[in-house]
Amino acid sequence: MPYQFSCSGGNCQFMIRSSSSDEVKRLVRAHVRMTHGGRIDQSDLERDMERIELA
């Protein structure tokens, strides 16, 4: 089942969708570090990552 994450930081339009939750987590951490200059807590990442069903 695919996973999706949309960044809610300011006017950021970063969104990722992947069948691998590990890949989503890795890329979200890299995005937050490079774009927003910070880190994301594991609990925030888990809360904001969604499982999606494909039609």
C-alpha atoms as a PDB file:
ATOM      1  CA  MET A   1       0.000   0.000   0.000  1.00  0.00           C
ATOM      2  CA  PRO A   2       1.444   3.393  -0.955  1.00  0.00           C
ATOM      3  CA  TYR A   3       2.376   6.084   1.544  1.00  0.00           C
ATOM      4  CA  GLN A   4       2.103   9.843   1.140  1.00  0.00           C
ATOM      5  CA  PHE A   5       3.491  12.859   2.958  1.00  0.00           C
ATOM      6  CA  SER A   6       2.686  16.527   2.331  1.00  0.00           C
ATOM      7  CA  CYS A   7       4.784  19.220   3.974  1.00  0.00           C
ATOM      8  CA  SER A   8       2.780  21.717   5.982  1.00  0.00           C
ATOM      9  CA  GLY A   9       5.627  24.195   6.506  1.00  0.00           C
ATOM     10  CA  GLY A  10       4.592  27.685   5.390  1.00  0.00           C
ATOM     11  CA  ASN A  11       4.078  27.905   1.626  1.00  0.00           C
ATOM     12  CA  CYS A  12       5.940  24.654   1.003  1.00  0.00           C
ATOM     13  CA  GLN A  13       4.442  22.423  -1.677  1.00  0.00           C
ATOM     14  CA  PHE A  14       6.622  19.339  -1.125  1.00  0.00           C
ATOM     15  CA  MET A  15       4.709  16.083  -1.455  1.00  0.00           C
ATOM     16  CA  ILE A  16       5.986  12.556  -1.847  1.00  0.00           C
ATOM     17  CA  ARG A  17       4.220   9.308  -2.590  1.00  0.00           C
ATOM     18  CA  SER A  18       5.921   5.904  -2.520  1.00  0.00           C
ATOM     19  CA  SER A  19       5.200   2.239  -1.897  1.00  0.00           C
ATOM     20  CA  SER A  20       8.039   2.211   0.656  1.00  0.00           C
ATOM     21  CA  SER A  21       7.455   3.849   4.036  1.00  0.00           C
ATOM     22  CA  ASP A  22      11.214   3.833   4.660  1.00  0.00           C
ATOM     23  CA  GLU A  23      11.816   5.789   1.453  1.00  0.00           C
ATOM     24  CA  VAL A  24       9.165   8.366   2.381  1.00  0.00           C
ATOM     25  CA  LYS A  25      10.697   8.828   5.847  1.00  0.00           C
ATOM     26  CA  ARG A  26      14.221   9.185   4.450  1.00  0.00           C
ATOM     27  CA  LEU A  27      13.213  11.745   1.827  1.00  0.00           C
ATOM     28  CA  VAL A  28      11.029  13.731   4.226  1.00  0.00           C
ATOM     29  CA  ARG A  29      13.908  13.987   6.714  1.00  0.00           C
ATOM     30  CA  ALA A  30      16.216  15.167   3.913  1.00  0.00           C
ATOM     31  CA  HIS A  31      13.619  17.695   2.737  1.00  0.00           C
ATOM     32  CA  VAL A  32      13.095  19.158   6.215  1.00  0.00           C
ATOM     33  CA  ARG A  33      16.846  19.368   6.825  1.00  0.00           C
ATOM     34  CA  MET A  34      17.696  20.962   3.463  1.00  0.00           C
ATOM     35  CA  THR A  35      14.651  23.192   2.906  1.00  0.00           C
ATOM     36  CA  HIS A  36      13.578  24.175   6.386  1.00  0.00           C
ATOM     37  CA  GLY A  37      16.943  23.876   8.160  1.00  0.00           C
ATOM     38  CA  GLY A  38      15.646  21.632  10.911  1.00  0.00           C
ATOM     39  CA  ARG A  39      14.594  18.160  11.905  1.00  0.00           C
ATOM     40  CA  ILE A  40      11.268  16.403  12.147  1.00  0.00           C
ATOM     41  CA  ASP A  41      10.325  14.359  15.194  1.00  0.00           C
ATOM     42  CA  GLN A  42       9.525  10.710  14.587  1.00  0.00           C
ATOM     43  CA  SER A  43       6.051  11.197  16.091  1.00  0.00           C
ATOM     44  CA  ASP A  44       5.322  14.136  13.755  1.00  0.00           C
ATOM     45  CA  LEU A  45       6.516  12.160  10.761  1.00  0.00           C
ATOM     46  CA  GLU A  46       4.368   9.155  11.669  1.00  0.00           C
ATOM     47  CA  ARG A  47       1.330  11.367  12.295  1.00  0.00           C
ATOM     48  CA  ASP A  48       1.617  13.248   8.987  1.00  0.00           C
ATOM     49  CA  MET A  49       2.416  10.225   6.805  1.00  0.00           C
ATOM     50  CA  GLU A  50      -0.720   8.729   5.288  1.00  0.00           C
ATOM     51  CA  ARG A  51      -1.489   5.344   3.803  1.00  0.00           C
ATOM     52  CA  ILE A  52      -3.396   5.783   0.594  1.00  0.00           C
ATOM     53  CA  GLU A  53      -5.427   3.424  -1.511  1.00  0.00           C
ATOM     54  CA  LEU A  54      -5.048   3.486  -5.243  1.00  0.00           C
ATOM     55  CA  ALA A  55      -8.210   3.417  -7.321  1.00  0.00           C
END
